[in-house]
Amino acid sequence: QDNLWPHAQESTQQAITLNARFTKPDTAKAELHTWLAWQEKPGIPYGQAITAKFLDSHVEEVAPFLQWISRLLNIPPKP
């Protein structure tokens, strides 16, 4: 529901056309970092962004990120 999210995705795609140096598998991470750069505290780390409620864990698009971070930190998923 955030109007900046589609813009972050479009900006990331434009960066790819300008030879951005991240790899294709890192596109989602680049999009998220772009979006976080436009928040109240630019550059805030993921964990702090969750705590600060910049990321809504109940939004469907956030589920893959939460699954990834849970695997990374070996945290069992919540039912």
PDB file of N, CA and C in Angstrom:
ATOM      1  N   GLN A   1       0.811  -1.197   0.000  1.00  0.00           N
ATOM      2  CA  GLN A   1       0.000   0.000   0.000  1.00  0.00           C
ATOM      3  C   GLN A   1       0.854   1.261   0.000  1.00  0.00           C
ATOM      4  N   ASP A   2       2.157   1.101   0.049  1.00  0.00           N
ATOM      5  CA  ASP A   2       3.068   2.239   0.062  1.00  0.00           C
ATOM      6  C   ASP A   2       3.359   2.655  -1.380  1.00  0.00           C
ATOM      7  N   ASN A   3       3.087   3.904  -1.701  1.00  0.00           N
ATOM      8  CA  ASN A   3       3.308   4.401  -3.058  1.00  0.00           C
ATOM      9  C   ASN A   3       4.770   4.408  -3.467  1.00  0.00           C
ATOM     10  N   LEU A   4       5.671   4.393  -2.502  1.00  0.00           N
ATOM     11  CA  LEU A   4       7.091   4.408  -2.827  1.00  0.00           C
ATOM     12  C   LEU A   4       7.598   3.041  -3.286  1.00  0.00           C
ATOM     13  N   TRP A   5       6.909   1.956  -2.897  1.00  0.00           N
ATOM     14  CA  TRP A   5       7.397   0.622  -3.243  1.00  0.00           C
ATOM     15  C   TRP A   5       7.466   0.411  -4.760  1.00  0.00           C
ATOM     16  N   PRO A   6       6.403   0.699  -5.521  1.00  0.00           N
ATOM     17  CA  PRO A   6       6.527   0.536  -6.980  1.00  0.00           C
ATOM     18  C   PRO A   6       7.619   1.430  -7.574  1.00  0.00           C
ATOM     19  N   HIS A   7       7.789   2.606  -6.996  1.00  0.00           N
ATOM     20  CA  HIS A   7       8.835   3.506  -7.487  1.00  0.00           C
ATOM     21  C   HIS A   7      10.224   2.923  -7.189  1.00  0.00           C
ATOM     22  N   ALA A   8      10.382   2.304  -6.036  1.00  0.00           N
ATOM     23  CA  ALA A   8      11.663   1.655  -5.709  1.00  0.00           C
ATOM     24  C   ALA A   8      11.945   0.518  -6.684  1.00  0.00           C
ATOM     25  N   GLN A   9      10.910  -0.240  -7.031  1.00  0.00           N
ATOM     26  CA  GLN A   9      11.084  -1.326  -7.994  1.00  0.00           C
ATOM     27  C   GLN A   9      11.449  -0.777  -9.380  1.00  0.00           C
ATOM     28  N   GLU A  10      10.751   0.267  -9.812  1.00  0.00           N
ATOM     29  CA  GLU A  10      11.043   0.879 -11.112  1.00  0.00           C
ATOM     30  C   GLU A  10      12.451   1.476 -11.134  1.00  0.00           C
ATOM     31  N   SER A  11      12.830   2.126 -10.045  1.00  0.00           N
ATOM     32  CA  SER A  11      14.163   2.735  -9.955  1.00  0.00           C
ATOM     33  C   SER A  11      15.248   1.674 -10.020  1.00  0.00           C
ATOM     34  N   THR A  12      14.998   0.549  -9.366  1.00  0.00           N
ATOM     35  CA  THR A  12      15.967  -0.547  -9.384  1.00  0.00           C
ATOM     36  C   THR A  12      16.092  -1.114 -10.792  1.00  0.00           C
ATOM     37  N   GLN A  13      14.959  -1.262 -11.482  1.00  0.00           N
ATOM     38  CA  GLN A  13      14.996  -1.752 -12.864  1.00  0.00           C
ATOM     39  C   GLN A  13      15.750  -0.770 -13.767  1.00  0.00           C
ATOM     40  N   GLN A  14      15.544   0.505 -13.544  1.00  0.00           N
ATOM     41  CA  GLN A  14      16.269   1.505 -14.332  1.00  0.00           C
ATOM     42  C   GLN A  14      17.765   1.422 -14.033  1.00  0.00           C
ATOM     43  N   ALA A  15      18.118   1.206 -12.781  1.00  0.00           N
ATOM     44  CA  ALA A  15      19.535   1.071 -12.418  1.00  0.00           C
ATOM     45  C   ALA A  15      20.160  -0.118 -13.146  1.00  0.00           C
ATOM     46  N   ILE A  16      19.381  -1.190 -13.312  1.00  0.00           N
ATOM     47  CA  ILE A  16      19.892  -2.360 -14.039  1.00  0.00           C
ATOM     48  C   ILE A  16      20.220  -1.973 -15.481  1.00  0.00           C
ATOM     49  N   THR A  17      19.356  -1.171 -16.101  1.00  0.00           N
ATOM     50  CA  THR A  17      19.618  -0.751 -17.484  1.00  0.00           C
ATOM     51  C   THR A  17      20.836   0.168 -17.573  1.00  0.00           C
ATOM     52  N   LEU A  18      21.197   0.772 -16.461  1.00  0.00           N
ATOM     53  CA  LEU A  18      22.372   1.657 -16.415  1.00  0.00           C
ATOM     54  C   LEU A  18      23.611   0.913 -15.912  1.00  0.00           C
ATOM     55  N   ASN A  19      23.536  -0.428 -15.940  1.00  0.00           N
ATOM     56  CA  ASN A  19      24.648  -1.298 -15.551  1.00  0.00           C
ATOM     57  C   ASN A  19      24.943  -1.306 -14.062  1.00  0.00           C
ATOM     58  N   ALA A  20      23.890  -1.300 -13.260  1.00  0.00           N
ATOM     59  CA  ALA A  20      24.093  -1.466 -11.815  1.00  0.00           C
ATOM     60  C   ALA A  20      24.846  -2.769 -11.585  1.00  0.00           C
ATOM     61  N   ARG A  21      25.645  -2.834 -10.557  1.00  0.00           N
ATOM     62  CA  ARG A  21      26.580  -3.939 -10.376  1.00  0.00           C
ATOM     63  C   ARG A  21      26.058  -5.103  -9.537  1.00  0.00           C
ATOM     64  N   PHE A  22      24.823  -5.044  -9.054  1.00  0.00           N
ATOM     65  CA  PHE A  22      24.325  -6.179  -8.275  1.00  0.00           C
ATOM     66  C   PHE A  22      23.851  -7.269  -9.229  1.00  0.00           C
ATOM     67  N   THR A  23      23.824  -8.493  -8.716  1.00  0.00           N
ATOM     68  CA  THR A  23      23.418  -9.629  -9.540  1.00  0.00           C
ATOM     69  C   THR A  23      21.899  -9.770  -9.539  1.00  0.00           C
ATOM     70  N   LYS A  24      21.378 -10.479 -10.520  1.00  0.00           N
ATOM     71  CA  LYS A  24      19.927 -10.669 -10.651  1.00  0.00           C
ATOM     72  C   LYS A  24      19.307 -11.246  -9.369  1.00  0.00           C
ATOM     73  N   PRO A  25      19.934 -12.251  -8.721  1.00  0.00           N
ATOM     74  CA  PRO A  25      19.337 -12.771  -7.486  1.00  0.00           C
ATOM     75  C   PRO A  25      19.252 -11.719  -6.363  1.00  0.00           C
ATOM     76  N   ASP A  26      20.028 -10.658  -6.458  1.00  0.00           N
ATOM     77  CA  ASP A  26      20.024  -9.614  -5.433  1.00  0.00           C
ATOM     78  C   ASP A  26      19.062  -8.470  -5.753  1.00  0.00           C
ATOM     79  N   THR A  27      18.252  -8.614  -6.786  1.00  0.00           N
ATOM     80  CA  THR A  27      17.341  -7.545  -7.193  1.00  0.00           C
ATOM     81  C   THR A  27      16.361  -7.187  -6.078  1.00  0.00           C
ATOM     82  N   ALA A  28      15.756  -8.179  -5.443  1.00  0.00           N
ATOM     83  CA  ALA A  28      14.787  -7.903  -4.367  1.00  0.00           C
ATOM     84  C   ALA A  28      15.453  -7.153  -3.222  1.00  0.00           C
ATOM     85  N   LYS A  29      16.691  -7.540  -2.909  1.00  0.00           N
ATOM     86  CA  LYS A  29      17.417  -6.851  -1.837  1.00  0.00           C
ATOM     87  C   LYS A  29      17.706  -5.404  -2.241  1.00  0.00           C
ATOM     88  N   ALA A  30      18.066  -5.187  -3.493  1.00  0.00           N
ATOM     89  CA  ALA A  30      18.320  -3.826  -3.979  1.00  0.00           C
ATOM     90  C   ALA A  30      17.051  -2.982  -3.914  1.00  0.00           C
ATOM     91  N   GLU A  31      15.917  -3.591  -4.270  1.00  0.00           N
ATOM     92  CA  GLU A  31      14.638  -2.875  -4.190  1.00  0.00           C
ATOM     93  C   GLU A  31      14.336  -2.476  -2.750  1.00  0.00           C
ATOM     94  N   LEU A  32      14.538  -3.405  -1.826  1.00  0.00           N
ATOM     95  CA  LEU A  32      14.249  -3.115  -0.417  1.00  0.00           C
ATOM     96  C   LEU A  32      15.180  -2.034   0.130  1.00  0.00           C
ATOM     97  N   HIS A  33      16.465  -2.121  -0.206  1.00  0.00           N
ATOM     98  CA  HIS A  33      17.401  -1.080   0.243  1.00  0.00           C
ATOM     99  C   HIS A  33      17.039   0.282  -0.343  1.00  0.00           C
ATOM    100  N   THR A  34      16.594   0.292  -1.597  1.00  0.00           N
ATOM    101  CA  THR A  34      16.174   1.547  -2.227  1.00  0.00           C
ATOM    102  C   THR A  34      15.001   2.139  -1.469  1.00  0.00           C
ATOM    103  N   TRP A  35      13.998   1.297  -1.201  1.00  0.00           N
ATOM    104  CA  TRP A  35      12.810   1.745  -0.476  1.00  0.00           C
ATOM    105  C   TRP A  35      13.184   2.229   0.922  1.00  0.00           C
ATOM    106  N   LEU A  36      14.045   1.493   1.611  1.00  0.00           N
ATOM    107  CA  LEU A  36      14.455   1.895   2.963  1.00  0.00           C
ATOM    108  C   LEU A  36      15.220   3.222   2.946  1.00  0.00           C
ATOM    109  N   ALA A  37      15.908   3.518   1.853  1.00  0.00           N
ATOM    110  CA  ALA A  37      16.656   4.775   1.752  1.00  0.00           C
ATOM    111  C   ALA A  37      15.733   5.986   1.755  1.00  0.00           C
ATOM    112  N   TRP A  38      14.461   5.777   1.456  1.00  0.00           N
ATOM    113  CA  TRP A  38      13.504   6.877   1.380  1.00  0.00           C
ATOM    114  C   TRP A  38      12.620   6.972   2.616  1.00  0.00           C
ATOM    115  N   GLN A  39      12.958   6.245   3.651  1.00  0.00           N
ATOM    116  CA  GLN A  39      12.151   6.258   4.870  1.00  0.00           C
ATOM    117  C   GLN A  39      12.650   7.347   5.834  1.00  0.00           C
ATOM    118  N   GLU A  40      11.977   7.461   6.965  1.00  0.00           N
ATOM    119  CA  GLU A  40      12.297   8.496   7.954  1.00  0.00           C
ATOM    120  C   GLU A  40      13.755   8.433   8.392  1.00  0.00           C
ATOM    121  N   LYS A  41      14.294   7.228   8.485  1.00  0.00           N
ATOM    122  CA  LYS A  41      15.700   7.033   8.854  1.00  0.00           C
ATOM    123  C   LYS A  41      16.379   6.286   7.707  1.00  0.00           C
ATOM    124  N   PRO A  42      16.875   6.994   6.695  1.00  0.00           N
ATOM    125  CA  PRO A  42      17.478   6.334   5.530  1.00  0.00           C
ATOM    126  C   PRO A  42      18.624   5.406   5.921  1.00  0.00           C
ATOM    127  N   GLY A  43      18.650   4.251   5.270  1.00  0.00           N
ATOM    128  CA  GLY A  43      19.738   3.305   5.487  1.00  0.00           C
ATOM    129  C   GLY A  43      19.591   2.444   6.728  1.00  0.00           C
ATOM    130  N   ILE A  44      18.441   2.487   7.368  1.00  0.00           N
ATOM    131  CA  ILE A  44      18.231   1.700   8.580  1.00  0.00           C
ATOM    132  C   ILE A  44      18.337   0.204   8.244  1.00  0.00           C
ATOM    133  N   PRO A  45      19.018  -0.594   9.064  1.00  0.00           N
ATOM    134  CA  PRO A  45      19.125  -2.038   8.802  1.00  0.00           C
ATOM    135  C   PRO A  45      17.763  -2.726   8.887  1.00  0.00           C
ATOM    136  N   TYR A  46      17.673  -3.897   8.265  1.00  0.00           N
ATOM    137  CA  TYR A  46      16.414  -4.640   8.212  1.00  0.00           C
ATOM    138  C   TYR A  46      15.775  -4.822   9.582  1.00  0.00           C
ATOM    139  N   GLY A  47      16.544  -5.328  10.532  1.00  0.00           N
ATOM    140  CA  GLY A  47      15.991  -5.590  11.868  1.00  0.00           C
ATOM    141  C   GLY A  47      15.408  -4.349  12.503  1.00  0.00           C
ATOM    142  N   GLN A  48      16.106  -3.243  12.389  1.00  0.00           N
ATOM    143  CA  GLN A  48      15.605  -1.987  12.949  1.00  0.00           C
ATOM    144  C   GLN A  48      14.394  -1.478  12.167  1.00  0.00           C
ATOM    145  N   ALA A  49      14.357  -1.750  10.864  1.00  0.00           N
ATOM    146  CA  ALA A  49      13.203  -1.345  10.054  1.00  0.00           C
ATOM    147  C   ALA A  49      11.948  -2.098  10.491  1.00  0.00           C
ATOM    148  N   ILE A  50      12.114  -3.345  10.864  1.00  0.00           N
ATOM    149  CA  ILE A  50      10.987  -4.132  11.362  1.00  0.00           C
ATOM    150  C   ILE A  50      10.544  -3.588  12.711  1.00  0.00           C
ATOM    151  N   THR A  51      11.495  -3.356  13.598  1.00  0.00           N
ATOM    152  CA  THR A  51      11.184  -2.819  14.930  1.00  0.00           C
ATOM    153  C   THR A  51      10.523  -1.451  14.831  1.00  0.00           C
ATOM    154  N   ALA A  52      10.997  -0.618  13.897  1.00  0.00           N
ATOM    155  CA  ALA A  52      10.445   0.729  13.719  1.00  0.00           C
ATOM    156  C   ALA A  52       9.109   0.712  12.981  1.00  0.00           C
ATOM    157  N   LYS A  53       8.635  -0.483  12.608  1.00  0.00           N
ATOM    158  CA  LYS A  53       7.350  -0.652  11.913  1.00  0.00           C
ATOM    159  C   LYS A  53       7.359  -0.060  10.497  1.00  0.00           C
ATOM    160  N   PHE A  54       8.561   0.073   9.891  1.00  0.00           N
ATOM    161  CA  PHE A  54       8.629   0.473   8.493  1.00  0.00           C
ATOM    162  C   PHE A  54       8.144  -0.675   7.617  1.00  0.00           C
ATOM    163  N   LEU A  55       8.378  -1.899   8.080  1.00  0.00           N
ATOM    164  CA  LEU A  55       7.941  -3.088   7.361  1.00  0.00           C
ATOM    165  C   LEU A  55       6.781  -3.718   8.114  1.00  0.00           C
ATOM    166  N   ASP A  56       5.701  -3.956   7.413  1.00  0.00           N
ATOM    167  CA  ASP A  56       4.519  -4.577   8.004  1.00  0.00           C
ATOM    168  C   ASP A  56       4.595  -6.074   7.756  1.00  0.00           C
ATOM    169  N   SER A  57       4.763  -6.843   8.802  1.00  0.00           N
ATOM    170  CA  SER A  57       4.938  -8.286   8.655  1.00  0.00           C
ATOM    171  C   SER A  57       3.674  -8.993   8.197  1.00  0.00           C
ATOM    172  N   HIS A  58       2.557  -8.286   8.132  1.00  0.00           N
ATOM    173  CA  HIS A  58       1.301  -8.905   7.719  1.00  0.00           C
ATOM    174  C   HIS A  58       0.995  -8.684   6.242  1.00  0.00           C
ATOM    175  N   VAL A  59       1.868  -7.986   5.534  1.00  0.00           N
ATOM    176  CA  VAL A  59       1.679  -7.753   4.106  1.00  0.00           C
ATOM    177  C   VAL A  59       2.228  -8.960   3.348  1.00  0.00           C
ATOM    178  N   GLU A  60       1.466  -9.435   2.382  1.00  0.00           N
ATOM    179  CA  GLU A  60       1.829 -10.645   1.646  1.00  0.00           C
ATOM    180  C   GLU A  60       3.219 -10.566   1.014  1.00  0.00           C
ATOM    181  N   GLU A  61       3.587  -9.402   0.481  1.00  0.00           N
ATOM    182  CA  GLU A  61       4.886  -9.256  -0.180  1.00  0.00           C
ATOM    183  C   GLU A  61       6.073  -9.386   0.770  1.00  0.00           C
ATOM    184  N   VAL A  62       5.827  -9.230   2.067  1.00  0.00           N
ATOM    185  CA  VAL A  62       6.904  -9.304   3.057  1.00  0.00           C
ATOM    186  C   VAL A  62       7.214 -10.753   3.437  1.00  0.00           C
ATOM    187  N   ALA A  63       6.289 -11.662   3.182  1.00  0.00           N
ATOM    188  CA  ALA A  63       6.446 -13.056   3.601  1.00  0.00           C
ATOM    189  C   ALA A  63       7.760 -13.683   3.123  1.00  0.00           C
ATOM    190  N   PRO A  64       8.154 -13.542   1.838  1.00  0.00           N
ATOM    191  CA  PRO A  64       9.424 -14.152   1.426  1.00  0.00           C
ATOM    192  C   PRO A  64      10.626 -13.604   2.194  1.00  0.00           C
ATOM    193  N   PHE A  65      10.615 -12.313   2.489  1.00  0.00           N
ATOM    194  CA  PHE A  65      11.713 -11.726   3.268  1.00  0.00           C
ATOM    195  C   PHE A  65      11.748 -12.306   4.669  1.00  0.00           C
ATOM    196  N   LEU A  66      10.595 -12.398   5.310  1.00  0.00           N
ATOM    197  CA  LEU A  66      10.542 -12.937   6.673  1.00  0.00           C
ATOM    198  C   LEU A  66      10.977 -14.395   6.701  1.00  0.00           C
ATOM    199  N   GLN A  67      10.611 -15.156   5.680  1.00  0.00           N
ATOM    200  CA  GLN A  67      11.054 -16.549   5.603  1.00  0.00           C
ATOM    201  C   GLN A  67      12.563 -16.618   5.446  1.00  0.00           C
ATOM    202  N   TRP A  68      13.106 -15.747   4.596  1.00  0.00           N
ATOM    203  CA  TRP A  68      14.551 -15.724   4.383  1.00  0.00           C
ATOM    204  C   TRP A  68      15.294 -15.368   5.669  1.00  0.00           C
ATOM    205  N   ILE A  69      14.837 -14.319   6.347  1.00  0.00           N
ATOM    206  CA  ILE A  69      15.531 -13.886   7.566  1.00  0.00           C
ATOM    207  C   ILE A  69      15.403 -14.929   8.668  1.00  0.00           C
ATOM    208  N   SER A  70      14.267 -15.627   8.709  1.00  0.00           N
ATOM    209  CA  SER A  70      14.084 -16.697   9.691  1.00  0.00           C
ATOM    210  C   SER A  70      15.071 -17.838   9.444  1.00  0.00           C
ATOM    211  N   ARG A  71      15.238 -18.198   8.153  1.00  0.00           N
ATOM    212  CA  ARG A  71      16.215 -19.243   7.820  1.00  0.00           C
ATOM    213  C   ARG A  71      17.628 -18.775   8.135  1.00  0.00           C
ATOM    214  N   LEU A  72      17.924 -17.537   7.806  1.00  0.00           N
ATOM    215  CA  LEU A  72      19.258 -16.988   8.035  1.00  0.00           C
ATOM    216  C   LEU A  72      19.629 -17.020   9.517  1.00  0.00           C
ATOM    217  N   LEU A  73      18.678 -16.628  10.358  1.00  0.00           N
ATOM    218  CA  LEU A  73      18.929 -16.541  11.802  1.00  0.00           C
ATOM    219  C   LEU A  73      18.501 -17.801  12.554  1.00  0.00           C
ATOM    220  N   ASN A  74      18.060 -18.817  11.789  1.00  0.00           N
ATOM    221  CA  ASN A  74      17.630 -20.079  12.369  1.00  0.00           C
ATOM    222  C   ASN A  74      16.509 -19.883  13.399  1.00  0.00           C
ATOM    223  N   ILE A  75      15.535 -19.072  13.035  1.00  0.00           N
ATOM    224  CA  ILE A  75      14.383 -18.790  13.896  1.00  0.00           C
ATOM    225  C   ILE A  75      13.208 -19.604  13.368  1.00  0.00           C
ATOM    226  N   PRO A  76      12.576 -20.411  14.221  1.00  0.00           N
ATOM    227  CA  PRO A  76      11.429 -21.187  13.723  1.00  0.00           C
ATOM    228  C   PRO A  76      10.304 -20.268  13.280  1.00  0.00           C
ATOM    229  N   PRO A  77       9.611 -20.632  12.176  1.00  0.00           N
ATOM    230  CA  PRO A  77       8.501 -19.786  11.698  1.00  0.00           C
ATOM    231  C   PRO A  77       7.337 -19.769  12.680  1.00  0.00           C
ATOM    232  N   LYS A  78       6.632 -18.639  12.727  1.00  0.00           N
ATOM    233  CA  LYS A  78       5.456 -18.523  13.585  1.00  0.00           C
ATOM    234  C   LYS A  78       4.258 -19.125  12.840  1.00  0.00           C
ATOM    235  N   PRO A  79       3.369 -19.791  13.583  1.00  0.00           N
ATOM    236  CA  PRO A  79       2.188 -20.383  12.929  1.00  0.00           C
ATOM    237  C   PRO A  79       1.236 -19.333  12.393  1.00  0.00           C
TER     238      PRO A  79
END
